[in-house]
Amino acid sequence: MKRDLVTIEDLSDAALVGLMDLADDLQRDLHAHARELSGFLMGSLFLEPSTRTRLSFEAAMARLGGRVITSSDPQTSSAVKGETLADTVRIVDSYVDLTVLRHPHAGAARWAARHARGPVVNAGDGSHEHPTQTLCDLYALRRERGRLKGLFVALYGDLRYGRTTHSLARALVRTGASFLAVAEDDLELPGFVVHDLLRHPDYGVRHVVLDDLEEVFHRNDVRALLVGPTDQLPAGGDDAHAPVSFPLRGHTIDAIYVTRLQQERGASTARGLPILDHRFLRSDPFQETVVLHPLPRVTEIAPEVDQDPRAAYFRQAALGVPIRMALLMWASGHYDLPLDEHPAAPPRPVDGFRCVATRCIAGQDGEGVPQEIGVREHDVPRCLWCESEARTET
């Protein structure tokens, strides 16, 4: 069976743990595995700018003894001549054993996987998902904190267009962690992610207001989304969307995951949340907090934090090599992962709806991607490419 990784949901809970365990073994000596994928060829197809993801994938394949062919400049690819993604993927797939794709449109990785005979790994598709970054994030959390179950994590910044947070939020609840989503104004977690969180057994969400850390946030009315075991959430009122007070003092934030404003996808340049600096980290809830960031960092973390031992984002980036080595071994069929029940049943196709997301692969002229809408139990109809809520056809 072809081993694609389009979304973090493609990996079972046991597989997530298995990949991290394998990465631990590989990390002990990165030079000791140069024959694992000898003779294998990876296609590195990056139709959107990247540094860490592309180079860590290429380094991972090289460490395993495989080779890479790469297209890393979107302006020199045949896409600028009007070639469809489907045709590009068919050609690259005929040259290689495995394709790693980054693309600016949501749902592109799923469309590519449909046309490739070999495995397709999603290295980021628009503002949809970035599952391999989430593997790196989970692995970094486990290395820094020694566990995932029971952790309390803060997601901080652009949570709407920051695709890494979409994958990470889903994965955190599956590994037994709780999190507090503190978003820039109008950049909250998208609905499709929240719907998925609500489907997780014994987990719930609560709209809260952080009202006791004015010295950190410069205001006492910061709204956030608290996600955790239902029996640990604060009591809510009759209106499920009305925020309840959630004092942070007395809680310990194990890690804070900071994201930049994704201006290239429509985020405003105006910041409503303060940058993370030493003053921020001296406050009671954050004194033991590990600082993570998918990078690149712009202005959301002060450079002074780099010297703080709690700053783990460069260590986090380095772990992208062993975790992607583990992923490549699995995707190429050289390593089997333990399996358990898939966390979500496949959606049921429905008619009478269409996707209206402007950055969805299905809405791009000339790509020929059909409208495909599906629905899961207790959910709204969604586009099966980008997962955004579908609208009734008029």
Protein backbone atom coordinates (compact mmCIF):
# COMPACT_ATOMS: atom_id res chain seq x y z
CA MET A 1 0.00 0.00 0.00
CA LYS A 2 1.23 3.48 -0.91
CA ARG A 3 2.33 5.43 2.16
CA ASP A 4 1.29 9.05 1.62
CA LEU A 5 1.43 11.69 4.33
CA VAL A 6 -1.04 14.42 3.39
CA THR A 7 -2.36 15.33 6.83
CA ILE A 8 -1.33 14.47 10.37
CA GLU A 9 -4.53 12.40 10.49
CA ASP A 10 -2.91 9.93 8.08
CA LEU A 11 -0.79 8.67 10.98
CA SER A 12 -2.33 6.69 13.82
CA ASP A 13 -1.57 7.55 17.43
CA ALA A 14 0.76 4.57 17.67
CA ALA A 15 2.51 5.62 14.46
CA LEU A 16 3.23 9.08 15.88
CA VAL A 17 4.96 7.48 18.85
CA GLY A 18 6.70 4.94 16.65
CA LEU A 19 8.22 7.63 14.43
CA MET A 20 9.56 9.51 17.45
CA ASP A 21 11.01 6.32 18.91
CA LEU A 22 12.74 5.58 15.60
CA ALA A 23 14.01 9.18 15.44
CA ASP A 24 15.56 8.69 18.89
CA ASP A 25 17.46 5.68 17.59
CA LEU A 26 18.63 7.58 14.51
CA GLN A 27 19.58 10.68 16.49
CA ARG A 28 22.12 8.74 18.56
CA ASP A 29 24.40 8.57 15.50
CA LEU A 30 23.27 10.33 12.33
CA HIS A 31 26.29 8.95 10.47
CA ALA A 32 25.46 5.30 11.08
CA HIS A 33 22.59 4.84 8.61
CA ALA A 34 24.11 5.66 5.23
CA ARG A 35 22.93 2.40 3.65
CA GLU A 36 19.29 2.45 4.77
CA LEU A 37 17.92 4.00 1.54
CA SER A 38 20.84 3.42 -0.78
CA GLY A 39 19.58 3.52 -4.36
CA PHE A 40 16.44 5.49 -3.50
CA LEU A 41 15.71 8.81 -5.23
CA MET A 42 13.58 11.55 -3.67
CA GLY A 43 11.93 14.34 -5.65
CA SER A 44 12.05 17.62 -3.74
CA LEU A 45 9.28 19.64 -5.42
CA PHE A 46 9.02 23.01 -3.67
CA LEU A 47 6.67 25.39 -5.48
CA GLU A 48 6.74 27.83 -2.57
CA PRO A 49 9.80 29.26 -0.76
CA SER A 50 11.38 27.13 1.96
CA THR A 51 14.72 26.79 3.72
CA ARG A 52 14.44 24.53 6.79
CA THR A 53 11.86 22.07 5.47
CA ARG A 54 13.51 21.56 2.10
CA LEU A 55 17.06 21.31 3.41
CA SER A 56 16.12 19.06 6.32
CA PHE A 57 14.33 16.67 3.96
CA GLU A 58 17.31 16.65 1.60
CA ALA A 59 19.73 16.20 4.50
CA ALA A 60 17.58 13.37 5.86
CA MET A 61 17.65 11.51 2.53
CA ALA A 62 21.40 12.08 2.18
CA ARG A 63 22.01 10.78 5.73
CA LEU A 64 20.13 7.61 4.75
CA GLY A 65 22.25 7.08 1.64
CA GLY A 66 19.57 8.13 -0.86
CA ARG A 67 19.80 10.84 -3.48
CA VAL A 68 17.70 13.90 -4.28
CA ILE A 69 16.59 15.80 -7.35
CA THR A 70 15.10 19.16 -6.57
CA SER A 71 13.01 21.98 -7.97
CA SER A 72 13.32 24.74 -5.41
CA ASP A 73 12.55 27.93 -7.36
CA PRO A 74 8.87 28.29 -8.28
CA GLN A 75 9.78 30.85 -10.95
CA THR A 76 11.89 28.34 -12.88
CA SER A 77 9.36 25.49 -12.79
CA SER A 78 6.99 24.67 -15.61
CA ALA A 79 4.13 25.99 -13.49
CA VAL A 80 4.95 29.47 -14.79
CA LYS A 81 4.26 28.15 -18.30
CA GLY A 82 0.82 26.98 -17.24
CA GLU A 83 1.53 23.32 -16.51
CA THR A 84 -0.98 21.86 -14.06
CA LEU A 85 0.10 20.45 -10.73
CA ALA A 86 -1.27 17.05 -11.75
CA ASP A 87 0.98 16.92 -14.82
CA THR A 88 4.01 18.15 -12.88
CA VAL A 89 3.52 15.48 -10.24
CA ARG A 90 3.01 12.74 -12.83
CA ILE A 91 6.35 13.62 -14.43
CA VAL A 92 8.32 13.97 -11.20
CA ASP A 93 6.78 10.75 -9.88
CA SER A 94 8.03 8.91 -12.98
CA TYR A 95 11.61 9.98 -12.15
CA VAL A 96 11.71 9.23 -8.42
CA ASP A 97 10.68 6.78 -5.71
CA LEU A 98 9.08 9.37 -3.43
CA THR A 99 7.95 13.00 -3.81
CA VAL A 100 8.05 15.73 -1.17
CA LEU A 101 5.75 18.60 -2.16
CA ARG A 102 5.33 22.15 -0.94
CA HIS A 103 2.66 24.20 -2.66
CA PRO A 104 0.94 27.57 -2.09
CA HIS A 105 -2.62 26.22 -2.42
CA ALA A 106 -4.53 24.34 0.25
CA GLY A 107 -5.37 20.79 -0.74
CA ALA A 108 -2.56 20.54 -3.29
CA ALA A 109 -0.87 17.62 -1.51
CA ARG A 110 -4.04 15.52 -1.55
CA TRP A 111 -4.53 16.25 -5.27
CA ALA A 112 -0.90 15.36 -5.95
CA ALA A 113 -1.17 12.09 -4.04
CA ARG A 114 -4.09 11.10 -6.24
CA HIS A 115 -1.90 11.35 -9.36
CA ALA A 116 1.37 9.86 -8.10
CA ARG A 117 2.07 6.14 -8.04
CA GLY A 118 4.78 6.58 -5.41
CA PRO A 119 4.38 8.14 -1.96
CA VAL A 120 3.70 11.87 -1.64
CA VAL A 121 4.70 13.72 1.53
CA ASN A 122 3.07 17.07 2.27
CA ALA A 123 5.73 19.65 3.15
CA GLY A 124 3.11 22.39 3.53
CA ASP A 125 0.07 23.15 1.36
CA GLY A 126 -1.04 26.75 1.59
CA SER A 127 -2.64 27.61 4.92
CA HIS A 128 -4.01 24.07 5.30
CA GLU A 129 -1.49 21.76 7.02
CA HIS A 130 2.19 21.05 7.56
CA PRO A 131 2.24 17.54 9.05
CA THR A 132 5.99 16.97 8.96
CA GLN A 133 6.56 20.19 10.90
CA THR A 134 4.14 18.84 13.48
CA LEU A 135 6.21 15.66 13.73
CA CYS A 136 9.21 17.89 14.43
CA ASP A 137 7.23 19.95 16.95
CA LEU A 138 5.96 16.91 18.85
CA TYR A 139 9.40 15.38 18.83
CA ALA A 140 10.96 18.60 20.15
CA LEU A 141 8.33 18.78 22.89
CA ARG A 142 9.02 15.21 23.93
CA ARG A 143 12.78 15.75 23.92
CA GLU A 144 12.53 18.99 25.90
CA ARG A 145 9.86 17.89 28.39
CA GLY A 146 10.32 14.14 28.47
CA ARG A 147 6.68 13.43 27.68
CA LEU A 148 3.63 14.66 25.78
CA LYS A 149 0.74 13.39 27.87
CA GLY A 150 -0.41 15.96 30.40
CA LEU A 151 1.54 18.89 28.97
CA PHE A 152 -0.06 22.36 28.90
CA VAL A 153 1.01 24.22 25.76
CA ALA A 154 0.26 27.76 24.56
CA LEU A 155 -0.19 28.40 20.82
CA TYR A 156 0.57 32.08 20.31
CA GLY A 157 0.29 34.36 17.28
CA ASP A 158 -1.21 33.83 13.83
CA LEU A 159 -3.30 30.69 14.24
CA ARG A 160 -5.48 31.12 11.15
CA TYR A 161 -2.88 31.20 8.39
CA GLY A 162 -0.13 29.51 10.39
CA ARG A 163 -0.64 26.02 8.94
CA THR A 164 1.75 24.45 11.44
CA THR A 165 -0.67 25.19 14.27
CA HIS A 166 -3.52 23.42 12.45
CA SER A 167 -1.63 20.14 12.39
CA LEU A 168 -0.17 20.66 15.86
CA ALA A 169 -3.51 21.40 17.54
CA ARG A 170 -4.94 18.15 16.21
CA ALA A 171 -1.90 16.17 17.29
CA LEU A 172 -1.71 17.62 20.81
CA VAL A 173 -5.13 16.34 21.83
CA ARG A 174 -4.30 12.92 20.38
CA THR A 175 -1.20 12.69 22.57
CA GLY A 176 -3.01 13.68 25.77
CA ALA A 177 -1.87 17.29 26.02
CA SER A 178 -3.95 20.41 26.63
CA PHE A 179 -3.42 23.79 25.02
CA LEU A 180 -4.39 27.43 25.17
CA ALA A 181 -4.77 29.11 21.77
CA VAL A 182 -3.94 32.81 22.11
CA ALA A 183 -4.41 34.37 18.70
CA GLU A 184 -3.78 37.73 17.14
CA ASP A 185 -7.01 39.63 16.46
CA ASP A 186 -9.09 37.89 13.74
CA LEU A 187 -6.43 35.19 13.34
CA GLU A 188 -7.99 32.47 15.50
CA LEU A 189 -7.84 28.75 14.76
CA PRO A 190 -10.07 28.04 11.74
CA GLY A 191 -13.37 26.26 12.16
CA PHE A 192 -12.28 23.02 10.53
CA VAL A 193 -9.59 22.56 13.18
CA VAL A 194 -11.97 23.33 16.06
CA HIS A 195 -14.54 20.87 14.67
CA ASP A 196 -11.88 18.15 14.66
CA LEU A 197 -10.92 18.93 18.25
CA LEU A 198 -14.53 18.57 19.35
CA ARG A 199 -14.70 15.07 17.86
CA HIS A 200 -11.96 13.81 20.15
CA PRO A 201 -13.39 11.65 22.96
CA ASP A 202 -13.48 13.29 26.39
CA TYR A 203 -11.97 16.56 25.09
CA GLY A 204 -13.71 19.89 24.89
CA VAL A 205 -13.12 23.55 24.12
CA ARG A 206 -13.92 26.60 26.17
CA HIS A 207 -13.78 30.24 25.13
CA VAL A 208 -11.93 32.06 27.90
CA VAL A 209 -10.66 35.52 28.74
CA LEU A 210 -7.21 36.00 30.30
CA ASP A 211 -7.77 38.77 32.81
CA ASP A 212 -4.93 38.55 35.34
CA LEU A 213 -1.74 39.21 33.36
CA GLU A 214 -2.00 42.83 32.32
CA GLU A 215 1.74 43.26 32.91
CA VAL A 216 2.35 40.66 30.16
CA PHE A 217 -0.37 41.40 27.61
CA HIS A 218 -0.79 45.15 28.40
CA ARG A 219 -4.53 44.50 28.73
CA ASN A 220 -6.79 42.33 30.86
CA ASP A 221 -9.27 41.15 28.24
CA VAL A 222 -7.25 38.80 26.02
CA ARG A 223 -9.56 36.17 24.54
CA ALA A 224 -8.32 32.63 23.98
CA LEU A 225 -9.52 29.11 23.32
CA LEU A 226 -8.80 26.51 26.00
CA VAL A 227 -8.70 22.91 24.80
CA GLY A 228 -8.36 19.98 27.18
CA PRO A 229 -10.09 17.09 28.95
CA THR A 230 -13.70 18.00 29.55
CA ASP A 231 -13.52 17.39 33.29
CA GLN A 232 -10.62 19.86 33.60
CA LEU A 233 -12.23 22.79 31.79
CA PRO A 234 -13.72 25.71 33.75
CA ALA A 235 -17.50 25.75 33.99
CA GLY A 236 -19.22 27.64 31.18
CA GLY A 237 -22.44 29.59 31.04
CA ASP A 238 -25.57 29.07 28.96
CA ASP A 239 -23.90 30.61 25.90
CA ALA A 240 -21.18 28.20 24.78
CA HIS A 241 -19.38 30.98 22.91
CA ALA A 242 -19.39 33.50 25.76
CA PRO A 243 -15.88 33.58 27.29
CA VAL A 244 -15.38 32.75 30.94
CA SER A 245 -12.60 34.07 33.15
CA PHE A 246 -9.45 31.94 33.17
CA PRO A 247 -6.73 33.32 35.46
CA LEU A 248 -3.35 32.05 34.27
CA ARG A 249 -1.64 32.55 37.61
CA GLY A 250 -1.43 29.20 39.32
CA HIS A 251 -0.98 27.40 35.99
CA THR A 252 2.36 26.40 34.51
CA ILE A 253 2.76 26.67 30.75
CA ASP A 254 5.08 23.84 29.76
CA ALA A 255 5.79 25.25 26.30
CA ILE A 256 4.77 28.20 24.17
CA TYR A 257 4.62 27.76 20.40
CA VAL A 258 5.04 31.14 18.74
CA THR A 259 4.15 31.85 15.11
CA ARG A 260 4.81 34.82 12.86
CA LEU A 261 2.18 36.82 11.01
CA GLN A 262 1.67 35.06 7.67
CA GLN A 263 1.49 38.22 5.59
CA GLU A 264 1.90 36.30 2.33
CA ARG A 265 -1.46 34.60 3.01
CA GLY A 266 -3.43 37.66 4.05
CA ALA A 267 -2.58 38.30 7.70
CA SER A 268 -2.45 41.94 8.71
CA THR A 269 0.92 43.48 9.54
CA ALA A 270 -0.50 44.98 12.75
CA ARG A 271 0.30 43.14 15.97
CA GLY A 272 -2.16 43.03 18.84
CA LEU A 273 -0.15 40.67 21.05
CA PRO A 274 3.18 41.65 22.62
CA ILE A 275 6.40 40.09 21.42
CA LEU A 276 7.87 37.35 23.55
CA ASP A 277 10.79 38.77 25.54
CA HIS A 278 12.47 38.40 28.93
CA ARG A 279 9.73 40.43 30.62
CA PHE A 280 7.15 38.02 29.22
CA LEU A 281 9.07 34.96 30.40
CA ARG A 282 9.55 36.35 33.92
CA SER A 283 5.80 36.23 34.63
CA ASP A 284 4.56 33.43 36.88
CA PRO A 285 2.97 31.05 34.31
CA PHE A 286 5.96 31.24 31.95
CA GLN A 287 8.94 30.88 34.27
CA GLU A 288 9.48 27.24 33.29
CA THR A 289 8.22 27.55 29.71
CA VAL A 290 10.13 26.09 26.76
CA VAL A 291 9.92 28.42 23.74
CA LEU A 292 9.24 26.81 20.36
CA HIS A 293 8.83 28.37 16.91
CA PRO A 294 8.53 26.70 13.48
CA LEU A 295 10.71 29.48 12.03
CA PRO A 296 11.44 31.74 10.29
CA ARG A 297 11.24 34.20 13.14
CA VAL A 298 10.62 37.84 12.23
CA THR A 299 9.82 40.17 15.15
CA GLU A 300 7.60 38.02 17.37
CA ILE A 301 10.47 36.79 19.59
CA ALA A 302 13.02 39.27 20.89
CA PRO A 303 16.65 38.35 19.98
CA GLU A 304 17.54 38.54 23.69
CA VAL A 305 15.59 35.31 24.23
CA ASP A 306 18.08 33.38 22.07
CA GLN A 307 20.52 33.18 24.99
CA ASP A 308 17.89 31.88 27.40
CA PRO A 309 18.21 28.10 28.00
CA ARG A 310 14.44 27.87 27.59
CA ALA A 311 14.74 28.99 23.94
CA ALA A 312 14.45 25.66 22.11
CA TYR A 313 13.59 26.77 18.57
CA PHE A 314 17.04 26.18 17.09
CA ARG A 315 17.25 22.78 18.80
CA GLN A 316 13.75 22.14 17.46
CA ALA A 317 14.85 22.91 13.89
CA ALA A 318 17.82 20.56 14.17
CA LEU A 319 15.49 17.72 15.16
CA GLY A 320 13.82 18.05 11.78
CA VAL A 321 16.54 15.82 10.31
CA PRO A 322 16.15 12.67 12.47
CA ILE A 323 12.34 12.84 12.50
CA ARG A 324 12.25 13.23 8.71
CA MET A 325 14.77 10.41 8.37
CA ALA A 326 12.31 8.25 10.29
CA LEU A 327 9.43 9.41 8.10
CA LEU A 328 11.34 8.67 4.88
CA MET A 329 12.20 5.17 6.08
CA TRP A 330 8.51 4.52 6.72
CA ALA A 331 7.19 6.14 3.52
CA SER A 332 9.69 4.25 1.38
CA GLY A 333 8.61 0.92 2.88
CA HIS A 334 11.84 0.26 4.77
CA TYR A 335 10.26 0.50 8.20
CA ASP A 336 6.85 -0.57 9.50
CA LEU A 337 5.04 1.42 12.15
CA PRO A 338 2.61 0.04 14.72
CA LEU A 339 -0.98 0.60 13.72
CA ASP A 340 -4.08 1.27 15.73
CA GLU A 341 -7.55 2.58 15.01
CA HIS A 342 -7.53 5.64 12.77
CA PRO A 343 -8.63 8.72 14.76
CA ALA A 344 -11.28 9.82 12.26
CA ALA A 345 -13.68 7.97 9.99
CA PRO A 346 -13.58 9.02 6.32
CA PRO A 347 -16.15 11.69 5.37
CA ARG A 348 -19.34 10.82 3.48
CA PRO A 349 -19.60 12.57 0.08
CA VAL A 350 -22.52 15.01 -0.27
CA ASP A 351 -23.97 16.99 -3.17
CA GLY A 352 -25.38 20.51 -3.33
CA PHE A 353 -22.37 22.27 -1.79
CA ARG A 354 -19.22 23.88 -3.12
CA CYS A 355 -15.95 25.26 -1.75
CA VAL A 356 -15.62 29.04 -1.88
CA ALA A 357 -12.11 29.32 -0.38
CA THR A 358 -10.06 31.46 -2.75
CA ARG A 359 -6.78 29.70 -1.97
CA CYS A 360 -8.09 26.15 -2.35
CA ILE A 361 -6.59 24.05 -5.14
CA ALA A 362 -10.13 23.37 -6.40
CA GLY A 363 -10.66 27.07 -7.11
CA GLN A 364 -7.59 27.61 -9.28
CA ASP A 365 -8.29 28.18 -12.95
CA GLY A 366 -6.63 25.67 -15.23
CA GLU A 367 -5.87 23.06 -12.55
CA GLY A 368 -8.95 20.98 -13.31
CA VAL A 369 -9.55 19.97 -9.69
CA PRO A 370 -13.17 18.89 -9.16
CA GLN A 371 -15.37 20.09 -6.34
CA GLU A 372 -15.54 17.31 -3.73
CA ILE A 373 -17.52 17.92 -0.55
CA GLY A 374 -17.95 15.54 2.36
CA VAL A 375 -19.36 15.45 5.86
CA ARG A 376 -18.55 13.52 9.02
CA GLU A 377 -20.94 12.79 11.86
CA HIS A 378 -21.86 15.92 13.86
CA ASP A 379 -19.87 18.12 11.48
CA VAL A 380 -20.60 20.61 8.72
CA PRO A 381 -20.01 19.85 5.01
CA ARG A 382 -16.38 20.55 4.12
CA CYS A 383 -14.23 20.72 1.05
CA LEU A 384 -12.27 17.48 0.90
CA TRP A 385 -9.22 19.32 -0.46
CA CYS A 386 -8.75 22.31 1.86
CA GLU A 387 -11.19 21.29 4.67
CA SER A 388 -12.87 24.69 4.78
CA GLU A 389 -16.62 24.83 5.36
CA ALA A 390 -18.56 24.40 2.13
CA ARG A 391 -21.47 26.59 1.04
CA THR A 392 -24.74 25.60 -0.58
CA GLU A 393 -24.76 25.91 -4.35
CA THR A 394 -26.93 28.69 -5.73
